PDB file of N, CA and C in Angstrom:
ATOM      1  N   MET A   1     -12.891 -69.312   9.024  1.00  0.00           N
ATOM      2  CA  MET A   1     -13.447 -68.701   8.544  1.00  0.00           C
ATOM      3  C   MET A   1     -12.583 -68.177   7.399  1.00  0.00           C
ATOM      4  N   THR A   2     -12.847 -67.758   5.966  1.00  0.00           N
ATOM      5  CA  THR A   2     -12.015 -67.349   4.892  1.00  0.00           C
ATOM      6  C   THR A   2     -12.143 -65.941   5.084  1.00  0.00           C
ATOM      7  N   ASP A   3     -13.211 -65.180   5.516  1.00  0.00           N
ATOM      8  CA  ASP A   3     -13.783 -63.829   5.460  1.00  0.00           C
ATOM      9  C   ASP A   3     -13.534 -63.000   6.899  1.00  0.00           C
ATOM     10  N   CYS A   4     -13.023 -63.916   7.856  1.00  0.00           N
ATOM     11  CA  CYS A   4     -12.487 -63.095   8.824  1.00  0.00           C
ATOM     12  C   CYS A   4     -10.876 -62.952   8.954  1.00  0.00           C
ATOM     13  N   ILE A   5     -10.729 -61.315   9.289  1.00  0.00           N
ATOM     14  CA  ILE A   5      -9.350 -60.710   8.897  1.00  0.00           C
ATOM     15  C   ILE A   5      -9.000 -61.777  10.038  1.00  0.00           C
ATOM     16  N   PHE A   6      -9.022 -61.661  11.142  1.00  0.00           N
ATOM     17  CA  PHE A   6      -8.324 -62.136  12.162  1.00  0.00           C
ATOM     18  C   PHE A   6      -7.994 -63.447  12.277  1.00  0.00           C
ATOM     19  N   CYS A   7      -8.993 -64.255  11.629  1.00  0.00           N
ATOM     20  CA  CYS A   7      -8.498 -65.613  11.235  1.00  0.00           C
ATOM     21  C   CYS A   7      -7.675 -66.115  10.275  1.00  0.00           C
ATOM     22  N   ARG A   8      -7.456 -64.756   9.274  1.00  0.00           N
ATOM     23  CA  ARG A   8      -6.429 -64.385   8.262  1.00  0.00           C
ATOM     24  C   ARG A   8      -5.317 -64.632   8.723  1.00  0.00           C
ATOM     25  N   ILE A   9      -5.477 -63.547   9.665  1.00  0.00           N
ATOM     26  CA  ILE A   9      -3.911 -63.191  10.428  1.00  0.00           C
ATOM     27  C   ILE A   9      -3.141 -64.235  11.295  1.00  0.00           C
ATOM     28  N   ALA A  10      -4.261 -64.877  12.159  1.00  0.00           N
ATOM     29  CA  ALA A  10      -3.591 -66.079  12.762  1.00  0.00           C
ATOM     30  C   ALA A  10      -3.329 -67.321  11.724  1.00  0.00           C
ATOM     31  N   ALA A  11      -3.798 -67.254  10.751  1.00  0.00           N
ATOM     32  CA  ALA A  11      -3.339 -68.728   9.660  1.00  0.00           C
ATOM     33  C   ALA A  11      -2.128 -68.169   8.971  1.00  0.00           C
ATOM     34  N   LYS A  12      -1.668 -66.579   9.400  1.00  0.00           N
ATOM     35  CA  LYS A  12      -0.628 -66.454   8.728  1.00  0.00           C
ATOM     36  C   LYS A  12      -0.912 -66.142   7.364  1.00  0.00           C
ATOM     37  N   GLU A  13      -1.854 -66.193   6.568  1.00  0.00           N
ATOM     38  CA  GLU A  13      -2.075 -65.402   5.814  1.00  0.00           C
ATOM     39  C   GLU A  13      -2.299 -63.863   5.033  1.00  0.00           C
ATOM     40  N   ILE A  14      -2.324 -63.148   6.457  1.00  0.00           N
ATOM     41  CA  ILE A  14      -2.223 -61.804   6.062  1.00  0.00           C
ATOM     42  C   ILE A  14      -0.768 -61.815   7.271  1.00  0.00           C
ATOM     43  N   PRO A  15       0.187 -61.136   6.929  1.00  0.00           N
ATOM     44  CA  PRO A  15       1.309 -60.400   7.630  1.00  0.00           C
ATOM     45  C   PRO A  15       0.838 -59.769   8.826  1.00  0.00           C
ATOM     46  N   ALA A  16       1.512 -60.133   9.993  1.00  0.00           N
ATOM     47  CA  ALA A  16       1.273 -58.872  11.446  1.00  0.00           C
ATOM     48  C   ALA A  16       2.664 -58.765  11.760  1.00  0.00           C
ATOM     49  N   ASP A  17       2.963 -57.774  13.003  1.00  0.00           N
ATOM     50  CA  ASP A  17       3.874 -57.704  13.883  1.00  0.00           C
ATOM     51  C   ASP A  17       3.558 -58.839  14.845  1.00  0.00           C
ATOM     52  N   VAL A  18       4.102 -59.940  15.010  1.00  0.00           N
ATOM     53  CA  VAL A  18       3.878 -60.924  16.218  1.00  0.00           C
ATOM     54  C   VAL A  18       4.267 -60.640  17.538  1.00  0.00           C
ATOM     55  N   MET A  19       3.472 -60.476  18.567  1.00  0.00           N
ATOM     56  CA  MET A  19       4.105 -60.032  19.657  1.00  0.00           C
ATOM     57  C   MET A  19       4.067 -61.401  20.659  1.00  0.00           C
ATOM     58  N   TYR A  20       3.362 -62.198  20.759  1.00  0.00           N
ATOM     59  CA  TYR A  20       3.001 -63.579  21.575  1.00  0.00           C
ATOM     60  C   TYR A  20       2.541 -64.261  20.641  1.00  0.00           C
ATOM     61  N   GLU A  21       2.452 -65.451  20.604  1.00  0.00           N
ATOM     62  CA  GLU A  21       1.991 -66.812  20.195  1.00  0.00           C
ATOM     63  C   GLU A  21       2.215 -68.142  20.999  1.00  0.00           C
ATOM     64  N   ASP A  22       1.119 -68.606  21.032  1.00  0.00           N
ATOM     65  CA  ASP A  22       1.257 -70.097  21.401  1.00  0.00           C
ATOM     66  C   ASP A  22       0.283 -71.121  20.545  1.00  0.00           C
ATOM     67  N   ASP A  23      -0.139 -72.146  21.173  1.00  0.00           N
ATOM     68  CA  ASP A  23      -0.316 -72.976  19.758  1.00  0.00           C
ATOM     69  C   ASP A  23      -2.188 -72.748  19.481  1.00  0.00           C
ATOM     70  N   GLU A  24      -2.765 -71.555  20.966  1.00  0.00           N
ATOM     71  CA  GLU A  24      -4.381 -71.302  20.225  1.00  0.00           C
ATOM     72  C   GLU A  24      -4.359 -69.872  20.454  1.00  0.00           C
ATOM     73  N   HIS A  25      -3.557 -69.264  20.277  1.00  0.00           N
ATOM     74  CA  HIS A  25      -3.720 -67.599  20.502  1.00  0.00           C
ATOM     75  C   HIS A  25      -2.299 -67.099  19.750  1.00  0.00           C
ATOM     76  N   LEU A  26      -2.862 -65.640  19.263  1.00  0.00           N
ATOM     77  CA  LEU A  26      -1.628 -65.165  18.550  1.00  0.00           C
ATOM     78  C   LEU A  26      -2.096 -63.733  19.064  1.00  0.00           C
ATOM     79  N   ALA A  27      -0.649 -63.018  19.189  1.00  0.00           N
ATOM     80  CA  ALA A  27      -1.261 -61.538  19.458  1.00  0.00           C
ATOM     81  C   ALA A  27      -0.336 -61.092  18.628  1.00  0.00           C
ATOM     82  N   PHE A  28      -0.695 -59.757  18.000  1.00  0.00           N
ATOM     83  CA  PHE A  28       0.083 -58.831  17.088  1.00  0.00           C
ATOM     84  C   PHE A  28       0.036 -57.555  17.265  1.00  0.00           C
ATOM     85  N   ARG A  29       0.857 -56.407  16.900  1.00  0.00           N
ATOM     86  CA  ARG A  29       0.471 -55.070  17.044  1.00  0.00           C
ATOM     87  C   ARG A  29      -0.583 -54.403  16.409  1.00  0.00           C
ATOM     88  N   ASP A  30      -1.259 -53.940  17.472  1.00  0.00           N
ATOM     89  CA  ASP A  30      -2.629 -52.991  16.584  1.00  0.00           C
ATOM     90  C   ASP A  30      -1.971 -51.641  15.621  1.00  0.00           C
ATOM     91  N   ILE A  31      -2.734 -52.062  14.531  1.00  0.00           N
ATOM     92  CA  ILE A  31      -2.646 -51.333  13.009  1.00  0.00           C
ATOM     93  C   ILE A  31      -2.865 -49.250  13.766  1.00  0.00           C
ATOM     94  N   HIS A  32      -3.888 -49.571  14.496  1.00  0.00           N
ATOM     95  CA  HIS A  32      -4.181 -48.165  15.224  1.00  0.00           C
ATOM     96  C   HIS A  32      -3.976 -48.104  16.397  1.00  0.00           C
ATOM     97  N   PRO A  33      -2.896 -47.948  16.973  1.00  0.00           N
ATOM     98  CA  PRO A  33      -2.368 -48.294  18.745  1.00  0.00           C
ATOM     99  C   PRO A  33      -3.079 -47.070  19.466  1.00  0.00           C
ATOM    100  N   ALA A  34      -3.714 -47.634  20.608  1.00  0.00           N
ATOM    101  CA  ALA A  34      -3.970 -46.421  21.576  1.00  0.00           C
ATOM    102  C   ALA A  34      -3.089 -46.132  22.218  1.00  0.00           C
ATOM    103  N   ALA A  35      -2.487 -46.906  22.816  1.00  0.00           N
ATOM    104  CA  ALA A  35      -0.873 -46.785  23.595  1.00  0.00           C
ATOM    105  C   ALA A  35      -0.299 -47.174  22.924  1.00  0.00           C
ATOM    106  N   PRO A  36       1.211 -46.498  23.740  1.00  0.00           N
ATOM    107  CA  PRO A  36       2.956 -46.670  23.255  1.00  0.00           C
ATOM    108  C   PRO A  36       3.051 -48.621  22.830  1.00  0.00           C
ATOM    109  N   LEU A  37       2.424 -49.430  23.646  1.00  0.00           N
ATOM    110  CA  LEU A  37       2.208 -50.901  23.525  1.00  0.00           C
ATOM    111  C   LEU A  37       1.014 -51.167  23.663  1.00  0.00           C
ATOM    112  N   HIS A  38       0.395 -51.639  22.189  1.00  0.00           N
ATOM    113  CA  HIS A  38      -1.038 -52.180  22.123  1.00  0.00           C
ATOM    114  C   HIS A  38      -1.062 -53.134  21.401  1.00  0.00           C
ATOM    115  N   ALA A  39      -1.359 -54.304  21.978  1.00  0.00           N
ATOM    116  CA  ALA A  39      -1.592 -55.897  21.126  1.00  0.00           C
ATOM    117  C   ALA A  39      -2.811 -55.818  20.935  1.00  0.00           C
ATOM    118  N   VAL A  40      -3.395 -56.667  19.848  1.00  0.00           N
ATOM    119  CA  VAL A  40      -4.401 -57.364  19.844  1.00  0.00           C
ATOM    120  C   VAL A  40      -4.529 -59.057  19.890  1.00  0.00           C
ATOM    121  N   LEU A  41      -5.112 -59.622  20.774  1.00  0.00           N
ATOM    122  CA  LEU A  41      -5.062 -61.072  21.280  1.00  0.00           C
ATOM    123  C   LEU A  41      -6.109 -61.576  20.355  1.00  0.00           C
ATOM    124  N   VAL A  42      -5.829 -62.792  19.929  1.00  0.00           N
ATOM    125  CA  VAL A  42      -7.101 -63.445  19.213  1.00  0.00           C
ATOM    126  C   VAL A  42      -6.961 -64.817  19.311  1.00  0.00           C
ATOM    127  N   PRO A  43      -7.973 -65.373  19.592  1.00  0.00           N
ATOM    128  CA  PRO A  43      -7.577 -67.326  19.563  1.00  0.00           C
ATOM    129  C   PRO A  43      -7.749 -67.336  17.863  1.00  0.00           C
ATOM    130  N   LYS A  44      -6.895 -68.684  18.293  1.00  0.00           N
ATOM    131  CA  LYS A  44      -6.442 -69.136  16.774  1.00  0.00           C
ATOM    132  C   LYS A  44      -8.076 -69.639  16.231  1.00  0.00           C
ATOM    133  N   ARG A  45      -8.847 -69.919  16.762  1.00  0.00           N
ATOM    134  CA  ARG A  45     -10.267 -70.691  16.573  1.00  0.00           C
ATOM    135  C   ARG A  45     -11.391 -69.457  16.726  1.00  0.00           C
ATOM    136  N   HIS A  46     -12.190 -69.763  15.432  1.00  0.00           N
ATOM    137  CA  HIS A  46     -13.347 -68.559  15.434  1.00  0.00           C
ATOM    138  C   HIS A  46     -14.053 -68.427  16.504  1.00  0.00           C
ATOM    139  N   PHE A  47     -14.581 -67.596  17.331  1.00  0.00           N
ATOM    140  CA  PHE A  47     -15.135 -67.264  17.664  1.00  0.00           C
ATOM    141  C   PHE A  47     -15.811 -65.994  17.545  1.00  0.00           C
ATOM    142  N   ALA A  48     -17.252 -65.690  17.249  1.00  0.00           N
ATOM    143  CA  ALA A  48     -17.563 -64.207  16.895  1.00  0.00           C
ATOM    144  C   ALA A  48     -17.710 -63.322  17.911  1.00  0.00           C
ATOM    145  N   THR A  49     -18.337 -63.753  19.128  1.00  0.00           N
ATOM    146  CA  THR A  49     -18.207 -62.613  20.422  1.00  0.00           C
ATOM    147  C   THR A  49     -17.935 -63.296  21.604  1.00  0.00           C
ATOM    148  N   LEU A  50     -17.849 -63.045  22.537  1.00  0.00           N
ATOM    149  CA  LEU A  50     -17.207 -63.179  23.877  1.00  0.00           C
ATOM    150  C   LEU A  50     -18.554 -64.073  24.278  1.00  0.00           C
ATOM    151  N   LEU A  51     -19.628 -63.897  23.853  1.00  0.00           N
ATOM    152  CA  LEU A  51     -20.633 -64.502  24.616  1.00  0.00           C
ATOM    153  C   LEU A  51     -20.888 -66.323  23.674  1.00  0.00           C
ATOM    154  N   ASP A  52     -20.232 -65.992  22.638  1.00  0.00           N
ATOM    155  CA  ASP A  52     -19.644 -67.396  21.754  1.00  0.00           C
ATOM    156  C   ASP A  52     -18.600 -68.539  22.627  1.00  0.00           C
ATOM    157  N   VAL A  53     -17.853 -67.998  23.613  1.00  0.00           N
ATOM    158  CA  VAL A  53     -16.982 -68.581  24.484  1.00  0.00           C
ATOM    159  C   VAL A  53     -17.740 -68.949  25.509  1.00  0.00           C
ATOM    160  N   ALA A  54     -18.357 -70.308  25.447  1.00  0.00           N
ATOM    161  CA  ALA A  54     -19.025 -70.581  26.580  1.00  0.00           C
ATOM    162  C   ALA A  54     -17.921 -71.910  27.374  1.00  0.00           C
ATOM    163  N   ASP A  55     -17.045 -72.268  26.893  1.00  0.00           N
ATOM    164  CA  ASP A  55     -16.214 -73.360  27.724  1.00  0.00           C
ATOM    165  C   ASP A  55     -15.536 -72.462  28.213  1.00  0.00           C
ATOM    166  N   PRO A  56     -15.432 -72.525  29.908  1.00  0.00           N
ATOM    167  CA  PRO A  56     -14.599 -72.060  30.699  1.00  0.00           C
ATOM    168  C   PRO A  56     -13.451 -72.028  30.767  1.00  0.00           C
ATOM    169  N   VAL A  57     -12.676 -73.476  29.854  1.00  0.00           N
ATOM    170  CA  VAL A  57     -11.335 -73.649  29.960  1.00  0.00           C
ATOM    171  C   VAL A  57     -10.937 -73.043  28.755  1.00  0.00           C
ATOM    172  N   VAL A  58     -11.251 -72.457  27.771  1.00  0.00           N
ATOM    173  CA  VAL A  58     -11.085 -71.753  26.966  1.00  0.00           C
ATOM    174  C   VAL A  58     -11.119 -70.230  27.174  1.00  0.00           C
ATOM    175  N   GLN A  59     -11.817 -69.833  28.188  1.00  0.00           N
ATOM    176  CA  GLN A  59     -11.860 -68.546  28.447  1.00  0.00           C
ATOM    177  C   GLN A  59     -10.467 -68.403  29.514  1.00  0.00           C
ATOM    178  N   GLY A  60     -10.522 -69.067  30.181  1.00  0.00           N
ATOM    179  CA  GLY A  60      -9.140 -68.950  31.071  1.00  0.00           C
ATOM    180  C   GLY A  60      -7.621 -69.243  30.506  1.00  0.00           C
ATOM    181  N   LYS A  61      -7.848 -70.077  28.984  1.00  0.00           N
ATOM    182  CA  LYS A  61      -6.621 -69.974  28.443  1.00  0.00           C
ATOM    183  C   LYS A  61      -6.421 -68.351  27.613  1.00  0.00           C
ATOM    184  N   LEU A  62      -7.703 -67.944  27.268  1.00  0.00           N
ATOM    185  CA  LEU A  62      -7.616 -66.711  26.927  1.00  0.00           C
ATOM    186  C   LEU A  62      -6.813 -65.566  27.709  1.00  0.00           C
ATOM    187  N   MET A  63      -7.400 -65.595  29.138  1.00  0.00           N
ATOM    188  CA  MET A  63      -6.799 -65.095  30.280  1.00  0.00           C
ATOM    189  C   MET A  63      -5.482 -65.007  30.448  1.00  0.00           C
ATOM    190  N   LEU A  64      -5.096 -66.438  30.734  1.00  0.00           N
ATOM    191  CA  LEU A  64      -3.605 -66.770  30.509  1.00  0.00           C
ATOM    192  C   LEU A  64      -2.678 -66.001  29.638  1.00  0.00           C
ATOM    193  N   ALA A  65      -3.092 -66.111  28.571  1.00  0.00           N
ATOM    194  CA  ALA A  65      -2.262 -65.834  26.946  1.00  0.00           C
ATOM    195  C   ALA A  65      -2.251 -64.397  26.934  1.00  0.00           C
ATOM    196  N   ALA A  66      -3.419 -63.479  27.771  1.00  0.00           N
ATOM    197  CA  ALA A  66      -3.337 -61.608  27.698  1.00  0.00           C
ATOM    198  C   ALA A  66      -2.015 -61.986  28.592  1.00  0.00           C
ATOM    199  N   LEU A  67      -2.006 -62.442  30.020  1.00  0.00           N
ATOM    200  CA  LEU A  67      -1.367 -62.115  30.847  1.00  0.00           C
ATOM    201  C   LEU A  67       0.054 -62.482  29.985  1.00  0.00           C
ATOM    202  N   ALA A  68       0.381 -63.548  29.657  1.00  0.00           N
ATOM    203  CA  ALA A  68       1.827 -63.749  29.021  1.00  0.00           C
ATOM    204  C   ALA A  68       2.312 -62.615  27.726  1.00  0.00           C
ATOM    205  N   THR A  69       0.829 -62.481  27.003  1.00  0.00           N
ATOM    206  CA  THR A  69       1.280 -60.935  26.200  1.00  0.00           C
ATOM    207  C   THR A  69       1.544 -60.038  26.773  1.00  0.00           C
ATOM    208  N   ALA A  70       1.095 -59.758  27.890  1.00  0.00           N
ATOM    209  CA  ALA A  70       1.503 -58.420  29.018  1.00  0.00           C
ATOM    210  C   ALA A  70       2.970 -58.900  29.247  1.00  0.00           C
ATOM    211  N   ARG A  71       3.696 -60.103  29.759  1.00  0.00           N
ATOM    212  CA  ARG A  71       4.864 -60.218  30.135  1.00  0.00           C
ATOM    213  C   ARG A  71       5.926 -60.139  28.781  1.00  0.00           C
ATOM    214  N   ALA A  72       5.206 -60.488  27.497  1.00  0.00           N
ATOM    215  CA  ALA A  72       6.083 -60.314  26.131  1.00  0.00           C
ATOM    216  C   ALA A  72       6.357 -58.876  25.849  1.00  0.00           C
ATOM    217  N   LEU A  73       5.508 -58.228  26.243  1.00  0.00           N
ATOM    218  CA  LEU A  73       5.559 -56.706  25.939  1.00  0.00           C
ATOM    219  C   LEU A  73       6.358 -55.966  27.158  1.00  0.00           C
ATOM    220  N   GLY A  74       6.733 -56.683  28.124  1.00  0.00           N
ATOM    221  CA  GLY A  74       7.446 -55.983  29.420  1.00  0.00           C
ATOM    222  C   GLY A  74       6.780 -54.872  30.254  1.00  0.00           C
ATOM    223  N   ILE A  75       5.217 -55.148  30.291  1.00  0.00           N
ATOM    224  CA  ILE A  75       4.297 -54.404  31.427  1.00  0.00           C
ATOM    225  C   ILE A  75       3.663 -55.081  32.136  1.00  0.00           C
ATOM    226  N   GLU A  76       4.343 -56.022  32.792  1.00  0.00           N
ATOM    227  CA  GLU A  76       3.862 -56.787  33.703  1.00  0.00           C
ATOM    228  C   GLU A  76       3.901 -56.027  35.099  1.00  0.00           C
ATOM    229  N   GLU A  77       5.251 -55.385  35.048  1.00  0.00           N
ATOM    230  CA  GLU A  77       5.489 -54.861  36.395  1.00  0.00           C
ATOM    231  C   GLU A  77       5.108 -53.395  36.540  1.00  0.00           C
ATOM    232  N   SER A  78       4.941 -52.458  35.358  1.00  0.00           N
ATOM    233  CA  SER A  78       4.725 -51.270  35.294  1.00  0.00           C
ATOM    234  C   SER A  78       2.943 -50.774  35.187  1.00  0.00           C
ATOM    235  N   GLY A  79       2.676 -52.401  34.557  1.00  0.00           N
ATOM    236  CA  GLY A  79       0.865 -52.195  34.848  1.00  0.00           C
ATOM    237  C   GLY A  79       0.146 -51.731  33.258  1.00  0.00           C
ATOM    238  N   PHE A  80      -0.967 -52.734  32.976  1.00  0.00           N
ATOM    239  CA  PHE A  80      -1.534 -52.933  31.758  1.00  0.00           C
ATOM    240  C   PHE A  80      -2.937 -52.964  31.406  1.00  0.00           C
ATOM    241  N   ARG A  81      -3.516 -52.446  30.589  1.00  0.00           N
ATOM    242  CA  ARG A  81      -4.986 -52.723  30.724  1.00  0.00           C
ATOM    243  C   ARG A  81      -5.107 -53.748  29.650  1.00  0.00           C
ATOM    244  N   LEU A  82      -6.397 -54.368  30.089  1.00  0.00           N
ATOM    245  CA  LEU A  82      -6.972 -55.402  29.032  1.00  0.00           C
ATOM    246  C   LEU A  82      -8.545 -54.796  28.987  1.00  0.00           C
ATOM    247  N   VAL A  83      -8.813 -54.707  27.440  1.00  0.00           N
ATOM    248  CA  VAL A  83     -10.067 -54.352  26.829  1.00  0.00           C
ATOM    249  C   VAL A  83     -10.713 -55.438  25.610  1.00  0.00           C
ATOM    250  N   ALA A  84     -11.868 -55.729  26.053  1.00  0.00           N
ATOM    251  CA  ALA A  84     -12.671 -56.607  25.373  1.00  0.00           C
ATOM    252  C   ALA A  84     -13.936 -56.184  25.042  1.00  0.00           C
ATOM    253  N   ASN A  85     -14.069 -55.836  23.780  1.00  0.00           N
ATOM    254  CA  ASN A  85     -14.918 -55.039  23.475  1.00  0.00           C
ATOM    255  C   ASN A  85     -16.158 -55.892  22.792  1.00  0.00           C
ATOM    256  N   TYR A  86     -17.890 -55.883  23.148  1.00  0.00           N
ATOM    257  CA  TYR A  86     -18.799 -56.813  22.584  1.00  0.00           C
ATOM    258  C   TYR A  86     -19.485 -55.719  21.995  1.00  0.00           C
ATOM    259  N   GLY A  87     -19.883 -56.389  20.699  1.00  0.00           N
ATOM    260  CA  GLY A  87     -21.247 -55.603  20.056  1.00  0.00           C
ATOM    261  C   GLY A  87     -21.002 -54.404  19.981  1.00  0.00           C
ATOM    262  N   ALA A  88     -21.787 -53.429  18.901  1.00  0.00           N
ATOM    263  CA  ALA A  88     -21.601 -52.422  18.037  1.00  0.00           C
ATOM    264  C   ALA A  88     -21.387 -51.456  19.352  1.00  0.00           C
ATOM    265  N   ASP A  89     -22.687 -51.217  20.687  1.00  0.00           N
ATOM    266  CA  ASP A  89     -22.269 -49.978  21.458  1.00  0.00           C
ATOM    267  C   ASP A  89     -21.162 -50.464  22.682  1.00  0.00           C
ATOM    268  N   GLY A  90     -20.530 -51.776  22.162  1.00  0.00           N
ATOM    269  CA  GLY A  90     -19.286 -51.780  23.135  1.00  0.00           C
ATOM    270  C   GLY A  90     -18.216 -51.395  22.211  1.00  0.00           C
ATOM    271  N   GLY A  91     -18.204 -51.162  20.688  1.00  0.00           N
ATOM    272  CA  GLY A  91     -17.164 -51.006  20.105  1.00  0.00           C
ATOM    273  C   GLY A  91     -16.349 -51.844  19.226  1.00  0.00           C
ATOM    274  N   GLN A  92     -17.444 -53.148  19.237  1.00  0.00           N
ATOM    275  CA  GLN A  92     -16.644 -54.419  18.514  1.00  0.00           C
ATOM    276  C   GLN A  92     -16.607 -54.235  17.072  1.00  0.00           C
ATOM    277  N   GLU A  93     -15.442 -53.883  16.484  1.00  0.00           N
ATOM    278  CA  GLU A  93     -15.346 -53.944  15.281  1.00  0.00           C
ATOM    279  C   GLU A  93     -15.288 -54.970  14.017  1.00  0.00           C
ATOM    280  N   VAL A  94     -14.357 -56.090  14.531  1.00  0.00           N
ATOM    281  CA  VAL A  94     -14.387 -57.039  14.078  1.00  0.00           C
ATOM    282  C   VAL A  94     -14.864 -58.019  14.889  1.00  0.00           C
ATOM    283  N   MET A  95     -15.482 -58.920  14.121  1.00  0.00           N
ATOM    284  CA  MET A  95     -16.561 -60.015  14.728  1.00  0.00           C
ATOM    285  C   MET A  95     -15.830 -61.260  14.943  1.00  0.00           C
ATOM    286  N   HIS A  96     -14.524 -61.179  15.774  1.00  0.00           N
ATOM    287  CA  HIS A  96     -13.770 -62.635  16.325  1.00  0.00           C
ATOM    288  C   HIS A  96     -13.550 -61.912  17.635  1.00  0.00           C
ATOM    289  N   VAL A  97     -13.599 -62.848  18.611  1.00  0.00           N
ATOM    290  CA  VAL A  97     -12.963 -62.418  20.038  1.00  0.00           C
ATOM    291  C   VAL A  97     -11.578 -61.741  19.973  1.00  0.00           C
ATOM    292  N   HIS A  98     -11.306 -61.103  20.674  1.00  0.00           N
ATOM    293  CA  HIS A  98     -10.004 -60.760  20.918  1.00  0.00           C
ATOM    294  C   HIS A  98      -9.969 -59.580  21.900  1.00  0.00           C
ATOM    295  N   TRP A  99      -8.368 -59.592  22.733  1.00  0.00           N
ATOM    296  CA  TRP A  99      -8.522 -58.387  23.585  1.00  0.00           C
ATOM    297  C   TRP A  99      -7.454 -57.537  23.057  1.00  0.00           C
ATOM    298  N   HIS A 100      -7.188 -56.435  23.655  1.00  0.00           N
ATOM    299  CA  HIS A 100      -6.614 -55.157  23.397  1.00  0.00           C
ATOM    300  C   HIS A 100      -5.682 -55.419  24.923  1.00  0.00           C
ATOM    301  N   VAL A 101      -4.225 -55.827  24.703  1.00  0.00           N
ATOM    302  CA  VAL A 101      -3.719 -55.871  25.666  1.00  0.00           C
ATOM    303  C   VAL A 101      -2.643 -54.324  25.574  1.00  0.00           C
ATOM    304  N   LEU A 102      -3.117 -53.494  26.315  1.00  0.00           N
ATOM    305  CA  LEU A 102      -2.489 -51.801  25.949  1.00  0.00           C
ATOM    306  C   LEU A 102      -1.455 -51.462  27.245  1.00  0.00           C
ATOM    307  N   GLY A 103      -0.400 -50.771  27.287  1.00  0.00           N
ATOM    308  CA  GLY A 103       0.608 -50.593  28.287  1.00  0.00           C
ATOM    309  C   GLY A 103       1.320 -49.691  27.512  1.00  0.00           C
ATOM    310  N   GLY A 104       2.248 -49.243  28.772  1.00  0.00           N
ATOM    311  CA  GLY A 104       3.045 -48.060  28.053  1.00  0.00           C
ATOM    312  C   GLY A 104       3.193 -46.481  28.591  1.00  0.00           C
ATOM    313  N   ARG A 105       1.763 -46.938  29.046  1.00  0.00           N
ATOM    314  CA  ARG A 105       1.546 -45.096  29.475  1.00  0.00           C
ATOM    315  C   ARG A 105       0.542 -45.114  30.642  1.00  0.00           C
ATOM    316  N   MET A 106       0.168 -44.255  31.235  1.00  0.00           N
ATOM    317  CA  MET A 106      -0.623 -44.093  32.362  1.00  0.00           C
ATOM    318  C   MET A 106      -2.114 -44.346  31.727  1.00  0.00           C
ATOM    319  N   PHE A 107      -3.213 -44.858  32.211  1.00  0.00           N
ATOM    320  CA  PHE A 107      -4.776 -44.745  31.626  1.00  0.00           C
ATOM    321  C   PHE A 107      -5.617 -43.991  33.195  1.00  0.00           C
ATOM    322  N   GLY A 108      -6.378 -43.651  32.477  1.00  0.00           N
ATOM    323  CA  GLY A 108      -6.917 -42.954  33.319  1.00  0.00           C
ATOM    324  C   GLY A 108      -8.379 -43.659  33.424  1.00  0.00           C
ATOM    325  N   TRP A 109      -9.641 -43.091  34.271  1.00  0.00           N
ATOM    326  CA  TRP A 109     -10.652 -43.684  34.879  1.00  0.00           C
ATOM    327  C   TRP A 109     -11.747 -42.569  35.200  1.00  0.00           C
ATOM    328  N   PRO A 110     -12.853 -43.209  34.231  1.00  0.00           N
ATOM    329  CA  PRO A 110     -13.309 -44.046  33.494  1.00  0.00           C
ATOM    330  C   PRO A 110     -12.848 -43.672  32.081  1.00  0.00           C
ATOM    331  N   PRO A 111     -12.432 -44.654  31.255  1.00  0.00           N
ATOM    332  CA  PRO A 111     -11.935 -44.864  29.990  1.00  0.00           C
ATOM    333  C   PRO A 111     -12.633 -43.945  28.925  1.00  0.00           C
ATOM    334  N   GLY A 112     -12.049 -42.987  28.095  1.00  0.00           N
ATOM    335  CA  GLY A 112     -12.805 -42.275  27.222  1.00  0.00           C
ATOM    336  C   GLY A 112     -13.503 -42.896  25.961  1.00  0.00           C
TER     337      GLY A 112
END
């Protein structure tokens, strides 16, 4: 999709600080980080929302890529948070499935 910023980042049309990449996913540094280590992980294939990812294999690969991103950030031992926003009330601002991989600090519960 030419109008999707995450598709354009995944296609390397827009520069980003890449933190992890495989054949199907790209994780890059969030431009408004909510933690010392904050990557945005996107599938290179466009899906608008989490509900559009109907294939459990695609869902599983996305989770594995999130874990690989945490390892690449060096936060697999200390801990991390995965956040997937859905819809307006969930805080989804870009209509392309993405996960936030956050670490480098202690997180509280419930999230604020």
